[in-house]
Amino acid sequence: HLFPDLPANRYVDIAPEIQEICKR
């Protein structure tokens, strides 16, 4: 939902960073 036009195979690497941003 944040990046619908980025290749979905990238989400697994992006997810930890998004989770960390949300936590902060």
PDB file of all heavy atoms in Angstrom:
ATOM      1  N   HIS A   1       0.816  -1.209   0.000  1.00  0.00           N
ATOM      2  CA  HIS A   1       0.000   0.000   0.000  1.00  0.00           C
ATOM      3  C   HIS A   1       0.850   1.259   0.000  1.00  0.00           C
ATOM      4  O   HIS A   1       0.445   2.284  -0.563  1.00  0.00           O
ATOM      5  CB  HIS A   1      -0.966  -0.017   1.183  1.00  0.00           C
ATOM      6  CG  HIS A   1      -2.272  -0.659   0.850  1.00  0.00           C
ATOM      7  ND1 HIS A   1      -3.393   0.064   0.527  1.00  0.00           N
ATOM      8  CD2 HIS A   1      -2.628  -1.958   0.753  1.00  0.00           C
ATOM      9  CE1 HIS A   1      -4.392  -0.759   0.253  1.00  0.00           C
ATOM     10  NE2 HIS A   1      -3.942  -2.000   0.383  1.00  0.00           N
ATOM     11  N   LEU A   2       2.003   1.202   0.616  1.00  0.00           N
ATOM     12  CA  LEU A   2       2.898   2.354   0.587  1.00  0.00           C
ATOM     13  C   LEU A   2       3.558   2.524  -0.776  1.00  0.00           C
ATOM     14  O   LEU A   2       3.730   3.641  -1.264  1.00  0.00           O
ATOM     15  CB  LEU A   2       3.981   2.201   1.661  1.00  0.00           C
ATOM     16  CG  LEU A   2       3.532   2.315   3.116  1.00  0.00           C
ATOM     17  CD1 LEU A   2       4.670   1.918   4.055  1.00  0.00           C
ATOM     18  CD2 LEU A   2       3.047   3.724   3.437  1.00  0.00           C
ATOM     19  N   PHE A   3       3.923   1.394  -1.404  1.00  0.00           N
ATOM     20  CA  PHE A   3       4.686   1.427  -2.662  1.00  0.00           C
ATOM     21  C   PHE A   3       4.055   0.479  -3.690  1.00  0.00           C
ATOM     22  O   PHE A   3       4.677  -0.506  -4.094  1.00  0.00           O
ATOM     23  CB  PHE A   3       6.135   0.999  -2.404  1.00  0.00           C
ATOM     24  CG  PHE A   3       6.799   1.688  -1.249  1.00  0.00           C
ATOM     25  CD1 PHE A   3       7.261   0.955  -0.164  1.00  0.00           C
ATOM     26  CD2 PHE A   3       6.969   3.063  -1.244  1.00  0.00           C
ATOM     27  CE1 PHE A   3       7.900   1.579   0.901  1.00  0.00           C
ATOM     28  CE2 PHE A   3       7.600   3.703  -0.183  1.00  0.00           C
ATOM     29  CZ  PHE A   3       8.059   2.966   0.899  1.00  0.00           C
ATOM     30  N   PRO A   4       2.833   0.749  -4.150  1.00  0.00           N
ATOM     31  CA  PRO A   4       2.165  -0.196  -5.055  1.00  0.00           C
ATOM     32  C   PRO A   4       2.847  -0.382  -6.402  1.00  0.00           C
ATOM     33  O   PRO A   4       2.636  -1.403  -7.059  1.00  0.00           O
ATOM     34  CB  PRO A   4       0.766   0.421  -5.232  1.00  0.00           C
ATOM     35  CG  PRO A   4       0.938   1.866  -4.897  1.00  0.00           C
ATOM     36  CD  PRO A   4       1.986   1.908  -3.841  1.00  0.00           C
ATOM     37  N   ASP A   5       3.681   0.591  -6.805  1.00  0.00           N
ATOM     38  CA  ASP A   5       4.332   0.467  -8.113  1.00  0.00           C
ATOM     39  C   ASP A   5       5.796   0.061  -8.027  1.00  0.00           C
ATOM     40  O   ASP A   5       6.506   0.070  -9.038  1.00  0.00           O
ATOM     41  CB  ASP A   5       4.196   1.776  -8.909  1.00  0.00           C
ATOM     42  CG  ASP A   5       4.815   2.970  -8.192  1.00  0.00           C
ATOM     43  OD1 ASP A   5       5.165   2.836  -7.000  1.00  0.00           O
ATOM     44  OD2 ASP A   5       4.942   4.037  -8.820  1.00  0.00           O
ATOM     45  N   LEU A   6       6.274  -0.319  -6.833  1.00  0.00           N
ATOM     46  CA  LEU A   6       7.609  -0.907  -6.721  1.00  0.00           C
ATOM     47  C   LEU A   6       7.493  -2.427  -6.849  1.00  0.00           C
ATOM     48  O   LEU A   6       6.530  -3.015  -6.352  1.00  0.00           O
ATOM     49  CB  LEU A   6       8.248  -0.562  -5.378  1.00  0.00           C
ATOM     50  CG  LEU A   6       8.745   0.871  -5.158  1.00  0.00           C
ATOM     51  CD1 LEU A   6       9.419   0.992  -3.795  1.00  0.00           C
ATOM     52  CD2 LEU A   6       9.695   1.310  -6.272  1.00  0.00           C
ATOM     53  N   PRO A   7       8.440  -3.101  -7.489  1.00  0.00           N
ATOM     54  CA  PRO A   7       8.378  -4.557  -7.621  1.00  0.00           C
ATOM     55  C   PRO A   7       8.168  -5.234  -6.267  1.00  0.00           C
ATOM     56  O   PRO A   7       8.890  -4.975  -5.305  1.00  0.00           O
ATOM     57  CB  PRO A   7       9.736  -4.912  -8.226  1.00  0.00           C
ATOM     58  CG  PRO A   7      10.094  -3.704  -9.030  1.00  0.00           C
ATOM     59  CD  PRO A   7       9.602  -2.538  -8.219  1.00  0.00           C
ATOM     60  N   ALA A   8       7.172  -6.097  -6.217  1.00  0.00           N
ATOM     61  CA  ALA A   8       6.766  -6.699  -4.947  1.00  0.00           C
ATOM     62  C   ALA A   8       7.845  -7.583  -4.339  1.00  0.00           C
ATOM     63  O   ALA A   8       7.833  -7.823  -3.121  1.00  0.00           O
ATOM     64  CB  ALA A   8       5.480  -7.499  -5.134  1.00  0.00           C
ATOM     65  N   ASN A   9       8.771  -8.086  -5.157  1.00  0.00           N
ATOM     66  CA  ASN A   9       9.851  -8.909  -4.603  1.00  0.00           C
ATOM     67  C   ASN A   9      10.772  -8.099  -3.691  1.00  0.00           C
ATOM     68  O   ASN A   9      11.550  -8.666  -2.932  1.00  0.00           O
ATOM     69  CB  ASN A   9      10.669  -9.546  -5.726  1.00  0.00           C
ATOM     70  CG  ASN A   9      11.216  -8.542  -6.718  1.00  0.00           C
ATOM     71  OD1 ASN A   9      10.459  -7.991  -7.519  1.00  0.00           O
ATOM     72  ND2 ASN A   9      12.517  -8.284  -6.686  1.00  0.00           N
ATOM     73  N   ARG A  10      10.657  -6.762  -3.737  1.00  0.00           N
ATOM     74  CA  ARG A  10      11.470  -5.904  -2.885  1.00  0.00           C
ATOM     75  C   ARG A  10      10.875  -5.729  -1.480  1.00  0.00           C
ATOM     76  O   ARG A  10      11.545  -5.238  -0.580  1.00  0.00           O
ATOM     77  CB  ARG A  10      11.640  -4.530  -3.524  1.00  0.00           C
ATOM     78  CG  ARG A  10      12.501  -4.512  -4.786  1.00  0.00           C
ATOM     79  CD  ARG A  10      13.935  -4.913  -4.471  1.00  0.00           C
ATOM     80  NE  ARG A  10      14.817  -4.765  -5.617  1.00  0.00           N
ATOM     81  CZ  ARG A  10      15.857  -3.941  -5.649  1.00  0.00           C
ATOM     82  NH1 ARG A  10      16.142  -3.197  -4.602  1.00  0.00           N
ATOM     83  NH2 ARG A  10      16.616  -3.877  -6.721  1.00  0.00           N
ATOM     84  N   TYR A  11       9.603  -6.092  -1.310  1.00  0.00           N
ATOM     85  CA  TYR A  11       8.934  -5.806  -0.044  1.00  0.00           C
ATOM     86  C   TYR A  11       9.586  -6.509   1.145  1.00  0.00           C
ATOM     87  O   TYR A  11       9.606  -5.976   2.250  1.00  0.00           O
ATOM     88  CB  TYR A  11       7.458  -6.198  -0.113  1.00  0.00           C
ATOM     89  CG  TYR A  11       6.634  -5.418  -1.109  1.00  0.00           C
ATOM     90  CD1 TYR A  11       5.450  -5.949  -1.625  1.00  0.00           C
ATOM     91  CD2 TYR A  11       7.026  -4.156  -1.551  1.00  0.00           C
ATOM     92  CE1 TYR A  11       4.681  -5.241  -2.540  1.00  0.00           C
ATOM     93  CE2 TYR A  11       6.269  -3.454  -2.474  1.00  0.00           C
ATOM     94  CZ  TYR A  11       5.090  -3.995  -2.965  1.00  0.00           C
ATOM     95  OH  TYR A  11       4.329  -3.302  -3.870  1.00  0.00           O
ATOM     96  N   VAL A  12      10.096  -7.715   0.924  1.00  0.00           N
ATOM     97  CA  VAL A  12      10.692  -8.468   2.030  1.00  0.00           C
ATOM     98  C   VAL A  12      11.895  -7.725   2.617  1.00  0.00           C
ATOM     99  O   VAL A  12      12.160  -7.811   3.829  1.00  0.00           O
ATOM    100  CB  VAL A  12      11.097  -9.883   1.561  1.00  0.00           C
ATOM    101  CG1 VAL A  12      12.202  -9.841   0.517  1.00  0.00           C
ATOM    102  CG2 VAL A  12      11.497 -10.745   2.748  1.00  0.00           C
ATOM    103  N   ASP A  13      12.611  -6.982   1.794  1.00  0.00           N
ATOM    104  CA  ASP A  13      13.761  -6.214   2.282  1.00  0.00           C
ATOM    105  C   ASP A  13      13.332  -4.866   2.860  1.00  0.00           C
ATOM    106  O   ASP A  13      13.979  -4.338   3.773  1.00  0.00           O
ATOM    107  CB  ASP A  13      14.763  -5.985   1.149  1.00  0.00           C
ATOM    108  CG  ASP A  13      15.365  -7.291   0.640  1.00  0.00           C
ATOM    109  OD1 ASP A  13      15.625  -8.175   1.480  1.00  0.00           O
ATOM    110  OD2 ASP A  13      15.554  -7.422  -0.585  1.00  0.00           O
ATOM    111  N   ILE A  14      12.250  -4.313   2.310  1.00  0.00           N
ATOM    112  CA  ILE A  14      11.765  -3.010   2.768  1.00  0.00           C
ATOM    113  C   ILE A  14      11.079  -3.119   4.127  1.00  0.00           C
ATOM    114  O   ILE A  14      11.173  -2.203   4.960  1.00  0.00           O
ATOM    115  CB  ILE A  14      10.778  -2.430   1.730  1.00  0.00           C
ATOM    116  CG1 ILE A  14      11.488  -2.126   0.418  1.00  0.00           C
ATOM    117  CG2 ILE A  14      10.096  -1.169   2.273  1.00  0.00           C
ATOM    118  CD1 ILE A  14      10.547  -1.735  -0.702  1.00  0.00           C
ATOM    119  N   ALA A  15      10.386  -4.240   4.363  1.00  0.00           N
ATOM    120  CA  ALA A  15       9.519  -4.384   5.531  1.00  0.00           C
ATOM    121  C   ALA A  15      10.196  -4.067   6.861  1.00  0.00           C
ATOM    122  O   ALA A  15       9.626  -3.338   7.689  1.00  0.00           O
ATOM    123  CB  ALA A  15       8.908  -5.782   5.560  1.00  0.00           C
ATOM    124  N   PRO A  16      11.412  -4.586   7.151  1.00  0.00           N
ATOM    125  CA  PRO A  16      12.019  -4.263   8.450  1.00  0.00           C
ATOM    126  C   PRO A  16      12.240  -2.764   8.654  1.00  0.00           C
ATOM    127  O   PRO A  16      12.110  -2.265   9.782  1.00  0.00           O
ATOM    128  CB  PRO A  16      13.354  -5.020   8.408  1.00  0.00           C
ATOM    129  CG  PRO A  16      13.133  -6.137   7.434  1.00  0.00           C
ATOM    130  CD  PRO A  16      12.226  -5.558   6.396  1.00  0.00           C
ATOM    131  N   GLU A  17      12.567  -2.057   7.575  1.00  0.00           N
ATOM    132  CA  GLU A  17      12.779  -0.618   7.698  1.00  0.00           C
ATOM    133  C   GLU A  17      11.466   0.114   7.953  1.00  0.00           C
ATOM    134  O   GLU A  17      11.415   1.057   8.758  1.00  0.00           O
ATOM    135  CB  GLU A  17      13.461  -0.078   6.443  1.00  0.00           C
ATOM    136  CG  GLU A  17      14.857  -0.643   6.212  1.00  0.00           C
ATOM    137  CD  GLU A  17      15.587   0.063   5.090  1.00  0.00           C
ATOM    138  OE1 GLU A  17      15.748   1.304   5.186  1.00  0.00           O
ATOM    139  OE2 GLU A  17      15.975  -0.613   4.120  1.00  0.00           O
ATOM    140  N   ILE A  18      10.396  -0.311   7.281  1.00  0.00           N
ATOM    141  CA  ILE A  18       9.088   0.303   7.518  1.00  0.00           C
ATOM    142  C   ILE A  18       8.638   0.033   8.951  1.00  0.00           C
ATOM    143  O   ILE A  18       8.121   0.923   9.636  1.00  0.00           O
ATOM    144  CB  ILE A  18       8.041  -0.245   6.525  1.00  0.00           C
ATOM    145  CG1 ILE A  18       8.376   0.206   5.097  1.00  0.00           C
ATOM    146  CG2 ILE A  18       6.627   0.206   6.910  1.00  0.00           C
ATOM    147  CD1 ILE A  18       8.320   1.711   4.886  1.00  0.00           C
ATOM    148  N   GLN A  19       8.855  -1.189   9.419  1.00  0.00           N
ATOM    149  CA  GLN A  19       8.472  -1.533  10.782  1.00  0.00           C
ATOM    150  C   GLN A  19       9.232  -0.674  11.796  1.00  0.00           C
ATOM    151  O   GLN A  19       8.665  -0.207  12.798  1.00  0.00           O
ATOM    152  CB  GLN A  19       8.731  -3.016  11.038  1.00  0.00           C
ATOM    153  CG  GLN A  19       8.168  -3.505  12.358  1.00  0.00           C
ATOM    154  CD  GLN A  19       8.197  -5.022  12.464  1.00  0.00           C
ATOM    155  OE1 GLN A  19       8.807  -5.706  11.645  1.00  0.00           O
ATOM    156  NE2 GLN A  19       7.521  -5.548  13.470  1.00  0.00           N
ATOM    157  N   GLU A  20      10.505  -0.442  11.521  1.00  0.00           N
ATOM    158  CA  GLU A  20      11.315   0.357  12.439  1.00  0.00           C
ATOM    159  C   GLU A  20      10.854   1.818  12.436  1.00  0.00           C
ATOM    160  O   GLU A  20      10.787   2.470  13.493  1.00  0.00           O
ATOM    161  CB  GLU A  20      12.785   0.252  12.025  1.00  0.00           C
ATOM    162  CG  GLU A  20      13.774   0.806  13.057  1.00  0.00           C
ATOM    163  CD  GLU A  20      13.999   2.294  12.907  1.00  0.00           C
ATOM    164  OE1 GLU A  20      13.864   2.789  11.768  1.00  0.00           O
ATOM    165  OE2 GLU A  20      14.296   2.962  13.913  1.00  0.00           O
ATOM    166  N   ILE A  21      10.515   2.338  11.251  1.00  0.00           N
ATOM    167  CA  ILE A  21      10.008   3.712  11.165  1.00  0.00           C
ATOM    168  C   ILE A  21       8.701   3.837  11.935  1.00  0.00           C
ATOM    169  O   ILE A  21       8.500   4.791  12.702  1.00  0.00           O
ATOM    170  CB  ILE A  21       9.815   4.125   9.691  1.00  0.00           C
ATOM    171  CG1 ILE A  21      11.170   4.247   8.986  1.00  0.00           C
ATOM    172  CG2 ILE A  21       9.055   5.451   9.594  1.00  0.00           C
ATOM    173  CD1 ILE A  21      11.067   4.464   7.484  1.00  0.00           C
ATOM    174  N   CYS A  22       7.804   2.879  11.738  1.00  0.00           N
ATOM    175  CA  CYS A  22       6.520   2.906  12.446  1.00  0.00           C
ATOM    176  C   CYS A  22       6.725   2.875  13.959  1.00  0.00           C
ATOM    177  O   CYS A  22       6.049   3.589  14.710  1.00  0.00           O
ATOM    178  CB  CYS A  22       5.658   1.728  12.009  1.00  0.00           C
ATOM    179  SG  CYS A  22       4.983   1.882  10.338  1.00  0.00           S
ATOM    180  N   LYS A  23       7.665   2.066  14.405  1.00  0.00           N
ATOM    181  CA  LYS A  23       7.930   1.969  15.844  1.00  0.00           C
ATOM    182  C   LYS A  23       8.403   3.297  16.407  1.00  0.00           C
ATOM    183  O   LYS A  23       7.966   3.733  17.486  1.00  0.00           O
ATOM    184  CB  LYS A  23       8.967   0.874  16.101  1.00  0.00           C
ATOM    185  CG  LYS A  23       9.256   0.644  17.576  1.00  0.00           C
ATOM    186  CD  LYS A  23      10.254  -0.495  17.757  1.00  0.00           C
ATOM    187  CE  LYS A  23      10.537  -0.748  19.243  1.00  0.00           C
ATOM    188  NZ  LYS A  23      11.518  -1.860  19.422  1.00  0.00           N
ATOM    189  N   ARG A  24       9.291   3.966  15.690  1.00  0.00           N
ATOM    190  CA  ARG A  24       9.814   5.242  16.183  1.00  0.00           C
ATOM    191  C   ARG A  24       8.748   6.323  16.250  1.00  0.00           C
ATOM    192  O   ARG A  24       8.808   7.223  17.090  1.00  0.00           O
ATOM    193  CB  ARG A  24      10.977   5.711  15.300  1.00  0.00           C
ATOM    194  CG  ARG A  24      12.284   5.005  15.617  1.00  0.00           C
ATOM    195  CD  ARG A  24      13.468   5.694  14.977  1.00  0.00           C
ATOM    196  NE  ARG A  24      13.540   5.443  13.534  1.00  0.00           N
ATOM    197  CZ  ARG A  24      13.266   6.332  12.609  1.00  0.00           C
ATOM    198  NH1 ARG A  24      12.877   7.555  12.959  1.00  0.00           N
ATOM    199  NH2 ARG A  24      13.367   6.038  11.320  1.00  0.00           N
TER     200      ARG A  24
END
